[in-house]
Protein backbone atom coordinates (compact mmCIF):
# COMPACT_ATOMS: atom_id res chain seq x y z
CA MET A 1 73.33 127.30 148.49
CA SER A 2 76.18 127.45 145.97
CA ASP A 3 79.60 126.76 147.31
CA PRO A 4 81.61 129.93 146.59
CA ILE A 5 84.07 130.71 144.52
CA PRO A 6 87.57 129.09 145.13
CA ARG A 7 90.29 132.43 145.40
CA ARG A 8 93.71 131.48 144.63
CA PRO A 9 96.60 132.44 145.68
CA ALA A 10 97.42 136.06 144.05
CA GLN A 11 100.77 134.79 143.21
CA GLU A 12 98.58 132.00 141.35
CA GLN A 13 96.39 134.09 139.60
CA LEU A 14 99.11 136.15 138.13
CA GLY A 15 101.13 133.35 137.07
CA LEU A 16 97.66 132.21 135.37
CA LEU A 17 97.24 135.94 134.04
CA LEU A 18 101.25 135.44 132.15
CA ASP A 19 100.30 131.88 130.84
CA LEU A 20 96.91 133.27 128.86
CA ALA A 21 98.93 136.06 127.95
CA ALA A 22 102.00 134.50 126.25
CA HIS A 23 99.62 132.19 124.46
CA ILE A 24 97.05 135.02 122.74
CA ASP A 25 97.59 136.10 119.39
CA GLU A 26 96.90 139.19 120.22
CA GLY A 27 100.34 141.56 121.57
CA MET A 28 99.60 142.95 125.30
CA TRP A 29 101.92 145.45 126.85
CA LEU A 30 101.82 147.50 129.94
CA ALA A 31 103.61 150.89 130.33
CA GLU A 32 104.52 153.79 131.83
CA PRO A 33 103.98 156.54 129.90
CA GLU A 34 105.85 159.72 132.06
CA ASN A 35 109.18 157.72 132.32
CA SER A 36 108.76 155.93 128.69
CA ARG A 37 109.63 152.80 131.11
CA LEU A 38 107.98 148.80 129.47
CA LEU A 39 106.92 146.67 132.21
CA TYR A 40 105.62 144.09 130.37
CA VAL A 41 105.60 143.09 126.58
CA ASN A 42 103.83 139.27 125.69
CA PRO A 43 105.62 137.55 122.77
CA ALA A 44 102.65 138.11 120.24
CA CYS A 45 103.53 141.89 120.27
CA CYS A 46 107.40 140.79 119.67
CA ARG A 47 106.22 138.99 116.92
CA ILE A 48 103.88 141.32 115.83
CA TRP A 49 106.34 144.46 115.41
CA GLY A 50 109.87 142.45 114.89
CA PHE A 51 111.58 142.79 117.86
CA SER A 52 112.81 140.47 120.67
CA GLU A 53 111.37 141.33 124.11
CA LYS A 54 115.23 142.18 125.50
CA GLU A 55 115.44 145.05 122.05
CA LEU A 56 111.78 146.76 123.47
CA TYR A 57 112.86 146.51 127.21
CA ARG A 58 115.72 148.44 126.25
CA SER A 59 114.26 151.11 123.72
CA PRO A 60 110.65 151.32 124.96
CA ARG A 61 109.49 154.07 121.81
CA ALA A 62 111.26 151.52 119.07
CA TRP A 63 108.14 150.08 117.81
CA LEU A 64 107.57 153.88 117.03
CA GLU A 65 110.07 153.93 114.68
CA ARG A 66 108.09 150.84 112.44
CA VAL A 67 105.20 153.14 112.34
CA HIS A 68 104.61 154.30 108.62
CA PRO A 69 105.86 158.41 108.34
CA ASP A 70 102.58 159.68 107.61
CA GLU A 71 100.83 158.14 110.89
CA ARG A 72 103.96 158.17 113.28
CA GLU A 73 102.81 161.76 114.78
CA ARG A 74 99.51 160.40 115.20
CA ALA A 75 100.54 156.91 117.55
CA ALA A 76 102.95 159.34 119.44
CA GLN A 77 100.30 161.32 120.51
CA ALA A 78 98.29 158.06 121.64
CA LEU A 79 101.02 157.56 123.61
CA GLN A 80 100.67 159.99 126.38
CA GLY A 81 97.93 157.72 127.50
CA ARG A 82 95.08 161.10 128.62
CA GLU A 83 92.21 158.63 127.04
CA TYR A 84 91.49 155.78 125.36
CA ARG A 85 92.36 155.25 121.67
CA ASP A 86 90.77 152.66 119.06
CA ASP A 87 93.50 153.30 115.89
CA GLU A 88 94.75 151.67 112.93
CA TYR A 89 98.44 152.11 111.84
CA ARG A 90 100.88 150.87 109.24
CA LEU A 91 103.51 149.34 110.14
CA ILE A 92 107.29 148.94 108.22
CA ARG A 93 108.02 145.51 109.69
CA PRO A 94 112.12 145.14 109.39
CA ASP A 95 112.18 143.09 106.33
CA GLY A 96 109.88 146.34 104.82
CA SER A 97 106.69 144.54 104.07
CA GLU A 98 103.80 146.09 105.18
CA ARG A 99 100.82 145.45 107.77
CA ARG A 100 98.04 146.74 109.44
CA LEU A 101 97.89 147.12 112.75
CA ARG A 102 95.03 147.83 115.27
CA THR A 103 95.76 149.00 118.80
CA ARG A 104 93.64 150.11 121.56
CA ILE A 105 95.25 151.93 123.98
CA PHE A 106 93.45 151.84 127.76
CA PRO A 107 94.45 154.49 130.53
CA LEU A 108 94.61 153.00 133.37
CA ARG A 109 93.38 156.00 135.92
CA GLY A 110 95.49 156.42 139.54
CA ALA A 111 98.01 153.94 138.39
CA GLY A 112 99.54 156.47 136.10
CA ARG A 113 100.07 153.80 134.22
CA ILE A 114 99.02 152.86 130.22
CA ALA A 115 97.99 149.17 129.10
CA GLY A 116 97.87 148.46 125.41
CA VAL A 117 96.55 145.57 122.72
CA CYS A 118 97.86 145.02 118.99
CA GLU A 119 96.47 142.57 116.29
CA ASP A 120 97.58 142.13 113.12
CA VAL A 121 94.74 142.97 110.98
CA THR A 122 96.06 143.06 107.40
CA GLY A 123 94.38 139.85 106.07
CA ARG A 124 90.86 141.09 107.25
CA ARG A 125 91.58 144.28 105.76
CA GLN A 126 92.59 142.60 102.31
CA MET A 127 89.46 140.55 101.85
CA GLN A 128 87.63 143.25 103.20
CA GLU A 129 89.60 145.12 100.46
CA SER A 130 88.49 141.89 97.87
CA LEU A 131 84.82 142.32 98.80
CA ARG A 132 84.98 145.69 98.00
CA ARG A 133 86.67 145.49 94.47
CA ARG A 134 83.94 142.72 94.07
CA GLU A 135 80.62 144.42 94.78
CA ALA A 136 82.29 147.21 92.44
CA GLU A 137 82.80 144.66 89.85
CA LEU A 138 79.46 143.95 90.17
CA LEU A 139 77.91 147.62 90.35
CA GLN A 140 80.26 147.96 86.84
CA ALA A 141 78.73 145.06 85.51
CA GLN A 142 75.22 145.54 86.60
CA LYS A 143 76.08 149.69 85.20
CA MET A 144 77.37 147.89 82.08
CA GLU A 145 74.29 145.94 81.47
CA ALA A 146 71.97 148.85 81.46
CA VAL A 147 74.36 150.83 79.17
CA GLY A 148 74.01 147.73 77.27
CA ARG A 149 70.42 147.59 77.18
CA LEU A 150 69.95 151.14 76.23
CA ALA A 151 72.56 151.05 73.49
CA GLY A 152 70.88 148.02 72.12
CA GLY A 153 67.27 149.62 72.28
CA VAL A 154 68.72 152.52 70.64
CA ALA A 155 71.49 151.61 68.30
CA HIS A 156 68.88 149.62 65.72
CA ASP A 157 66.23 152.67 65.46
CA PHE A 158 69.65 154.73 65.12
CA ASN A 159 70.88 153.24 63.00
CA ASN A 160 68.16 152.80 60.51
CA MET A 161 68.11 156.35 60.36
CA LEU A 162 71.54 157.12 59.83
CA THR A 163 71.33 154.48 56.48
CA VAL A 164 68.50 156.53 55.39
CA ILE A 165 70.04 159.86 55.84
CA LEU A 166 73.64 158.85 54.23
CA GLY A 167 71.54 157.02 51.25
CA TYR A 168 69.37 160.27 50.56
CA GLY A 169 72.60 162.31 51.35
CA GLU A 170 74.47 160.47 48.43
CA TYR A 171 71.95 161.17 46.32
CA ILE A 172 71.64 164.79 46.57
CA VAL A 173 75.64 165.16 46.15
CA GLU A 174 75.10 163.42 42.95
CA LYS A 175 72.13 165.38 41.63
CA LEU A 176 74.08 168.39 42.64
CA GLY A 177 76.81 169.62 40.24
CA PRO A 178 80.51 170.32 40.29
CA ASP A 179 79.95 174.06 40.14
CA SER A 180 77.19 174.18 42.41
CA GLY A 181 77.47 176.26 45.94
CA LEU A 182 75.56 173.73 48.00
CA LYS A 183 77.55 171.06 47.12
CA SER A 184 80.03 171.39 49.63
CA GLU A 185 78.02 171.55 52.34
CA ALA A 186 75.95 168.35 50.74
CA GLU A 187 79.46 166.49 51.35
CA GLN A 188 78.94 166.72 54.92
CA VAL A 189 75.71 164.94 55.23
CA PRO A 190 77.23 161.63 54.48
CA LEU A 191 80.81 162.69 57.06
CA MET A 192 78.24 163.47 59.97
CA VAL A 193 76.64 160.08 59.01
CA HIS A 194 79.97 157.73 59.57
CA ARG A 195 80.97 160.29 62.59
CA ALA A 196 77.90 159.44 63.93
CA ALA A 197 77.97 155.69 62.73
CA ALA A 198 81.35 155.91 64.86
CA LEU A 199 79.80 157.01 68.21
CA THR A 200 76.63 153.85 68.19
CA ARG A 201 79.72 151.71 67.22
CA GLN A 202 81.40 152.54 70.30
CA LEU A 203 78.85 152.63 72.55
CA LEU A 204 77.94 149.03 70.98
CA ALA A 205 81.64 147.85 71.57
CA PHE A 206 81.50 148.14 75.57
CA SER A 207 77.81 146.32 75.67
CA ARG A 208 79.26 143.49 73.54
CA LYS A 209 76.39 143.53 70.78
CA GLN A 210 77.97 145.03 67.79
CA VAL A 211 78.21 142.03 65.28
CA LEU A 212 81.43 141.48 65.07
CA GLN A 213 83.63 139.62 61.55
CA PRO A 214 86.56 137.94 62.61
CA LYS A 215 89.42 137.32 60.08
CA LEU A 216 92.76 136.03 59.87
CA LEU A 217 94.71 139.49 59.27
CA ASP A 218 97.75 140.92 59.37
CA LEU A 219 98.46 143.63 61.64
CA ASN A 220 100.96 145.35 59.68
CA ALA A 221 98.79 146.12 56.85
CA VAL A 222 95.96 147.27 58.70
CA THR A 223 98.06 149.84 60.47
CA ALA A 224 99.69 150.93 57.10
CA ASP A 225 96.13 150.92 55.72
CA LEU A 226 95.14 153.69 58.22
CA GLN A 227 98.71 156.02 57.45
CA LYS A 228 97.15 158.92 55.24
CA MET A 229 94.12 158.62 57.31
CA LEU A 230 96.20 158.93 60.58
CA ARG A 231 98.25 161.72 59.34
CA ARG A 232 95.46 163.87 58.44
CA LEU A 233 93.50 163.60 61.73
CA ILE A 234 96.19 163.67 63.84
CA GLY A 235 98.27 167.05 62.37
CA ASP A 236 101.29 168.41 61.22
CA ASP A 237 102.62 169.37 64.82
CA ILE A 238 102.56 166.03 65.68
CA GLU A 239 105.49 163.74 64.33
CA ILE A 240 104.42 160.10 63.50
CA SER A 241 107.03 156.69 63.13
CA VAL A 242 105.14 153.17 62.33
CA ASP A 243 108.19 150.52 62.62
CA PRO A 244 106.45 147.09 61.36
CA ALA A 245 108.04 143.92 63.18
CA PRO A 246 109.03 141.66 59.37
CA ASP A 247 107.15 138.42 59.65
CA LEU A 248 104.25 139.20 61.51
CA GLY A 249 102.62 136.38 62.52
CA PRO A 250 98.10 136.70 62.13
CA VAL A 251 96.01 137.50 64.31
CA LEU A 252 92.27 136.43 64.15
CA ALA A 253 89.80 140.09 64.66
CA ASP A 254 86.84 141.53 63.20
CA PRO A 255 89.03 143.94 60.71
CA GLY A 256 87.01 147.38 61.40
CA HIS A 257 86.78 146.83 65.11
CA LEU A 258 90.70 146.22 64.98
CA GLN A 259 91.19 149.80 63.15
CA GLN A 260 89.07 151.52 65.42
CA VAL A 261 91.48 150.34 68.44
CA ILE A 262 94.41 152.18 66.51
CA MET A 263 92.05 154.72 65.66
CA ASN A 264 91.21 155.80 68.85
CA LEU A 265 94.74 154.83 70.36
CA ALA A 266 96.25 157.43 67.96
CA VAL A 267 93.83 160.22 69.09
CA ASN A 268 94.27 159.17 72.26
CA ALA A 269 97.94 159.98 72.13
CA ARG A 270 97.42 163.25 70.12
CA ASP A 271 94.74 164.43 72.82
CA ALA A 272 97.84 164.20 74.98
CA MET A 273 100.07 166.55 73.87
CA PRO A 274 98.20 169.63 72.87
CA ARG A 275 101.79 171.69 72.22
CA GLY A 276 102.60 168.25 69.74
CA GLY A 277 105.11 165.59 69.99
CA LYS A 278 106.00 161.82 68.80
CA LEU A 279 103.44 158.90 68.44
CA VAL A 280 105.16 155.78 67.59
CA ILE A 281 103.49 152.91 66.53
CA LYS A 282 104.52 149.61 66.39
CA THR A 283 104.23 145.43 65.69
CA ALA A 284 105.87 142.52 67.36
CA ASN A 285 105.82 138.93 67.82
CA ARG A 286 105.69 137.90 71.95
CA ARG A 287 106.13 134.55 73.35
CA LEU A 288 105.41 134.74 76.85
CA SER A 289 106.48 132.14 78.66
CA ALA A 290 105.14 133.40 82.34
CA PRO A 291 102.71 135.90 83.04
CA LEU A 292 103.43 139.07 82.31
CA THR A 293 102.64 141.88 84.59
CA ALA A 294 103.16 145.92 83.45
CA GLY A 295 101.14 148.61 85.23
CA ARG A 296 98.22 147.25 86.81
CA ARG A 297 97.36 144.55 83.89
CA THR A 298 98.50 140.92 83.77
CA VAL A 299 98.84 138.73 80.72
CA PRO A 300 98.86 135.25 81.03
CA PRO A 301 101.72 133.06 79.08
CA GLY A 302 101.42 132.55 75.35
CA ASP A 303 102.21 133.55 71.29
CA TYR A 304 100.84 137.34 71.07
CA VAL A 305 101.31 139.75 68.28
CA VAL A 306 102.03 143.14 70.18
CA LEU A 307 100.45 146.30 69.21
CA SER A 308 102.21 149.23 70.77
CA VAL A 309 101.55 152.81 70.64
CA SER A 310 103.38 155.59 72.96
CA ASP A 311 103.12 159.01 72.85
CA THR A 312 106.18 161.82 74.50
CA GLY A 313 102.54 163.63 75.95
CA THR A 314 101.21 165.01 79.41
CA GLY A 315 100.92 161.17 81.02
CA MET A 316 98.23 160.40 83.28
CA GLU A 317 98.53 160.39 87.44
CA PRO A 318 98.20 157.09 89.21
CA ARG A 319 94.50 158.08 90.27
CA VAL A 320 93.45 157.87 86.27
CA LEU A 321 95.31 155.20 85.35
CA ASP A 322 92.75 153.60 87.72
CA ARG A 323 89.76 154.56 86.03
CA LEU A 324 91.17 155.05 82.65
CA PHE A 325 88.84 151.81 81.17
CA GLU A 326 85.74 153.02 82.64
CA PRO A 327 83.09 154.16 80.02
CA PHE A 328 82.29 157.89 80.36
CA PHE A 329 85.53 158.13 82.21
CA THR A 330 87.41 161.19 80.46
CA THR A 331 90.07 164.21 81.82
CA LYS A 332 88.78 166.13 79.08
CA ASP A 333 86.99 169.32 78.87
CA SER A 334 82.97 169.65 78.29
CA GLY A 335 82.61 169.31 74.93
CA LYS A 336 85.82 167.37 73.70
CA GLY A 337 85.41 163.83 75.21
CA THR A 338 82.56 161.29 75.65
CA GLY A 339 84.77 158.62 77.40
CA LEU A 340 83.77 155.82 75.21
CA GLY A 341 87.41 155.25 73.17
CA LEU A 342 89.74 153.70 75.88
CA ALA A 343 86.54 151.71 77.19
CA THR A 344 85.71 150.64 73.98
CA ILE A 345 89.28 149.69 73.02
CA PHE A 346 89.12 147.50 75.92
CA GLU A 347 85.86 145.78 75.05
CA ILE A 348 87.26 145.51 71.52
CA VAL A 349 90.35 144.10 72.61
CA SER A 350 88.96 141.20 75.25
CA GLN A 351 86.62 140.13 72.58
CA ALA A 352 89.12 139.25 70.66
CA LYS A 353 90.98 137.28 73.55
CA GLY A 354 93.27 139.63 73.72
CA HIS A 355 94.49 141.84 76.73
CA VAL A 356 95.24 145.58 76.63
CA THR A 357 98.40 147.29 79.19
CA VAL A 358 98.92 150.71 79.56
CA GLU A 359 102.53 152.08 81.64
CA SER A 360 102.31 156.15 82.01
CA ALA A 361 103.43 158.84 84.36
CA ALA A 362 102.80 162.67 84.98
CA GLY A 363 104.42 164.56 82.22
CA GLN A 364 106.20 160.59 80.88
CA GLY A 365 104.06 160.35 78.43
CA SER A 366 101.81 157.30 77.57
CA LEU A 367 102.86 153.51 76.23
CA PHE A 368 100.02 151.51 75.55
CA ARG A 369 100.63 147.93 74.23
CA VAL A 370 97.81 145.63 72.58
CA TYR A 371 98.61 141.95 72.91
CA LEU A 372 96.16 139.55 70.78
CA PRO A 373 96.22 135.65 70.27
CA ARG A 374 98.70 134.56 67.36
CA ALA A 375 96.20 132.41 65.38
CA GLU A 376 97.20 130.00 63.02
CA GLY A 377 96.62 130.36 59.25
CA ARG A 378 97.37 132.68 56.11
CA ALA A 379 96.17 136.97 56.92
CA GLU A 380 94.00 137.07 53.69
CA SER A 381 94.88 139.96 51.63
CA ARG A 382 93.35 143.21 52.09
CA GLY A 383 90.37 144.83 49.56
CA GLU A 384 90.21 140.70 48.23
CA GLY A 385 87.42 140.32 45.70
CA ASP A 386 86.71 144.04 45.64
CA VAL A 387 84.25 144.40 42.31
CA PRO A 388 84.94 147.68 39.69
CA ALA A 389 82.57 149.92 39.68
CA GLU A 390 81.06 149.01 36.01
CA SER A 391 80.45 145.31 37.51
CA LEU A 392 78.13 146.71 40.51
CA SER A 393 74.80 145.87 38.03
CA GLY A 394 73.13 142.40 38.47
CA SER A 395 69.85 141.42 36.96
CA GLU A 396 69.66 138.25 39.35
CA THR A 397 65.81 138.00 41.70
CA VAL A 398 66.67 139.22 45.52
CA VAL A 399 64.04 139.23 48.38
CA LEU A 400 64.31 142.02 50.34
CA VAL A 401 63.15 141.64 53.77
CA GLU A 402 63.06 144.55 56.04
CA ASP A 403 60.34 145.97 58.89
CA GLU A 404 61.26 149.68 58.31
CA LYS A 405 59.48 151.10 55.18
CA ASP A 406 62.29 153.68 54.60
CA ILE A 407 64.86 151.16 55.15
CA ARG A 408 63.12 148.88 52.34
CA ASP A 409 62.12 151.97 49.89
CA LEU A 410 66.26 152.95 50.02
CA VAL A 411 67.45 149.20 49.82
CA ARG A 412 64.62 148.44 47.06
CA ARG A 413 65.99 151.73 44.84
CA TYR A 414 69.25 150.53 45.58
CA LEU A 415 69.24 146.92 43.93
CA SER A 416 66.17 147.81 41.26
CA GLU A 417 68.42 151.03 39.75
CA GLY A 418 71.44 148.24 39.77
CA GLY A 419 69.53 146.48 37.49
CA TYR A 420 68.62 143.41 40.09
CA CYS A 421 64.90 142.13 40.11
CA VAL A 422 63.28 142.80 43.91
CA LEU A 423 60.75 140.76 45.60
CA GLU A 424 60.26 143.09 48.90
CA ALA A 425 58.74 142.09 52.10
CA SER A 426 58.05 143.46 55.45
CA SER A 427 58.28 140.66 57.40
CA ALA A 428 59.49 136.74 57.61
CA ALA A 429 56.15 135.89 57.43
CA GLU A 430 55.43 137.92 54.07
CA ALA A 431 58.61 136.72 53.08
CA LEU A 432 57.58 133.02 53.18
CA TRP A 433 54.38 133.58 51.77
CA ILE A 434 56.21 135.50 48.73
CA CYS A 435 59.04 132.74 48.16
CA GLY A 436 56.47 130.02 48.42
CA LYS A 437 54.56 131.30 45.16
CA HIS A 438 57.41 132.42 43.52
CA HIS A 439 58.18 130.17 40.70
CA GLY A 440 61.44 131.43 39.53
CA ARG A 441 64.48 130.72 40.70
CA ILE A 442 65.97 133.43 43.57
CA HIS A 443 69.53 134.27 44.04
CA LEU A 444 69.55 136.00 47.19
CA LEU A 445 67.96 136.60 50.88
CA LEU A 446 68.82 139.69 52.01
CA THR A 447 67.13 140.11 55.39
CA ASP A 448 67.33 142.26 58.68
CA ILE A 449 68.03 140.00 61.37
CA VAL A 450 66.60 142.08 63.83
CA MET A 451 62.75 141.49 63.47
CA SER A 452 59.72 140.82 65.80
CA GLN A 453 57.95 137.26 65.29
CA MET A 454 60.57 135.43 63.85
CA ASN A 455 64.37 137.21 63.32
CA GLY A 456 66.75 137.20 60.43
CA PHE A 457 68.46 133.92 61.10
CA GLU A 458 65.09 131.80 61.78
CA LEU A 459 63.80 132.74 58.15
CA ALA A 460 67.19 131.59 56.51
CA ASP A 461 66.27 128.18 58.03
CA HIS A 462 63.05 128.30 56.95
CA LEU A 463 64.03 128.95 53.58
CA GLU A 464 66.92 126.99 52.68
CA PRO A 465 65.34 123.90 52.59
CA MET A 466 62.82 125.54 49.69
CA HIS A 467 65.76 127.11 47.97
CA PRO A 468 69.24 125.13 48.01
CA ASP A 469 70.73 127.51 45.92
CA LEU A 470 69.82 130.21 47.92
CA ARG A 471 72.69 132.69 48.87
CA ILE A 472 71.71 134.68 51.88
CA MET A 473 73.10 137.68 53.80
CA PHE A 474 71.94 139.50 56.28
CA MET A 475 71.83 143.52 57.27
CA SER A 476 71.96 144.71 60.94
CA GLY A 477 73.09 147.18 63.35
CA TYR A 478 73.19 145.74 66.39
CA LEU A 479 72.54 142.08 67.69
CA GLU A 480 69.90 140.79 70.25
CA ASN A 481 72.11 137.19 70.32
CA PRO A 482 74.88 136.49 69.51
CA VAL A 483 75.21 134.91 65.96
CA PRO A 484 74.91 130.96 65.49
CA PRO A 485 77.30 128.94 64.70
CA HIS A 486 76.24 127.33 61.61
CA ARG A 487 75.82 131.13 60.47
CA ALA A 488 79.30 132.52 61.52
CA ALA A 489 81.03 132.63 57.64
CA THR A 490 77.60 134.34 56.34
CA PRO A 491 77.69 137.70 54.89
CA MET A 492 76.72 140.46 56.87
CA LEU A 493 76.05 144.06 56.06
CA LEU A 494 76.33 146.26 58.62
CA LYS A 495 74.10 149.39 59.15
CA PRO A 496 74.24 152.93 58.05
CA PHE A 497 75.64 151.28 54.27
CA SER A 498 76.02 153.34 51.16
CA ARG A 499 74.56 152.32 48.00
CA ARG A 500 78.12 151.56 46.51
CA LEU A 501 78.66 149.27 50.02
CA LEU A 502 75.51 147.32 49.18
CA LEU A 503 75.75 146.62 45.67
CA THR A 504 79.05 145.52 46.03
CA ARG A 505 78.20 143.16 48.56
CA VAL A 506 75.08 141.81 46.75
CA ARG A 507 77.71 140.90 44.05
CA GLN A 508 80.10 139.19 45.76
CA THR A 509 77.85 137.08 47.65
CA ILE A 510 75.81 136.08 44.37
CA ASP A 511 79.04 135.17 42.59
CA ALA A 512 80.99 133.08 45.90
CA PRO A 513 81.29 129.94 45.48
CA PRO A 514 78.44 127.98 46.63
CA PRO A 515 78.59 127.19 50.24
CA ARG A 516 79.78 124.47 52.22
CA PRO A 517 76.38 122.18 52.88
CA ALA A 518 75.41 122.99 56.34
CA LYS A 519 74.52 119.99 58.96
CA PRO A 520 71.38 119.27 59.03
CA ARG A 521 69.27 121.42 61.32
CA ARG A 522 65.47 121.09 62.80
CA VAL A 523 63.37 123.60 61.63
CA SER A 524 60.25 124.19 63.42
CA SER A 525 56.92 125.51 61.06
CA PRO A 526 56.39 129.19 61.36
CA GLY A 527 53.20 128.53 63.32
CA ALA A 528 55.17 126.64 65.78
């Protein structure tokens, strides 16, 4: 039979309990609620609440004043000690910092007393909140991936159809005389095509499958080019002020996408001022020597070119700011917004390694700032290399590769009417066969990028060794994979495109100086 557990004198047991209570991290206390008398409080409780033992014994309910006002009444009810309570409160410490406190209150039946345990759970809750944010970010990334797959699958066929509609729509407009009653209606077709194409570009922008053609740009010049269009778009009831900074540094960005950023911000500002107001667009050079926090965004140190767009509109509440750049999130009425404009801005700026900040409050307007890294070099002139209308024709040989018959027929018609000799192919394999048996010079390969079996990049790699003087131009509505580094400078024609744009780009590509020899690349045979 085992020895019984030795019993210690009551005074010794009490001493051990007090020693234990003095060395644990949880706060412990004992009180009589009827007369508001505090019988015991341990050191941890004092540390958590920020009071000394003397202050707590002198004013037992002083801690209640530290509970957040929104939760103070609930905490006071718990002190009545009628039932077990397990709750959390926000605590405002004497230094002004806010902590999260978990408290448990135990009524001591028959003794008229209550015991309590409190624990600072701020760090735990912050970790849980961080995990929740990461889960939300992961879910958002998965949503974006799904939207990207959807957008990519739709965009190729959709942009092909838009190219055909735009092409034949332009032909109809040209054939109709100035006195035709249908001319104004027919002119709406190209306009609607461009609007549909803009929506597709927005889908592709935040799914990161759009074709990027970055150039060294002067942001002042881009803004100036858009001023006339902005005034028509915004309306007469809104005053537009443009304040360009002198000696503005260049930025490396896609010109079309940068225009889209400015247009989307301007439209967003217009919608926030239904009764009129003022829209201000500014540019500036800015050097950040330390991280800049504005609203809910942080911009790292560096040299930036800043585009700011402010309005005097309705402004936004915090709940709106939290979701502002989510795709498909909109506060506009049904049918008046897709929820893609700001999401598109965020993705375009991110891909240019820039940042977007927002400052806004309900009834006080909004201020958007786009921080783009300042680039080295000289900005390219806008409109440089434009070809006069009378010089769009040619007699050179062009190999046209497009797997969609309607697109191929339309582009062949464009080129043939422009005087070019067109060798057309419906696949990369057919293009290789045609080029292999052609004995004359081939001046240009005009090929779609997204094709089955072999894409346009691979086709160009196969044909270049066979035709050293061959010029190359790609056309596409979206990209499944990034542009290979050795093709980054190759001309790209984005679908949908007009006849004039196609002929202009073809002429520019053929007349351009010979490209620098590329580093040798190993090209596998088509059957490999």
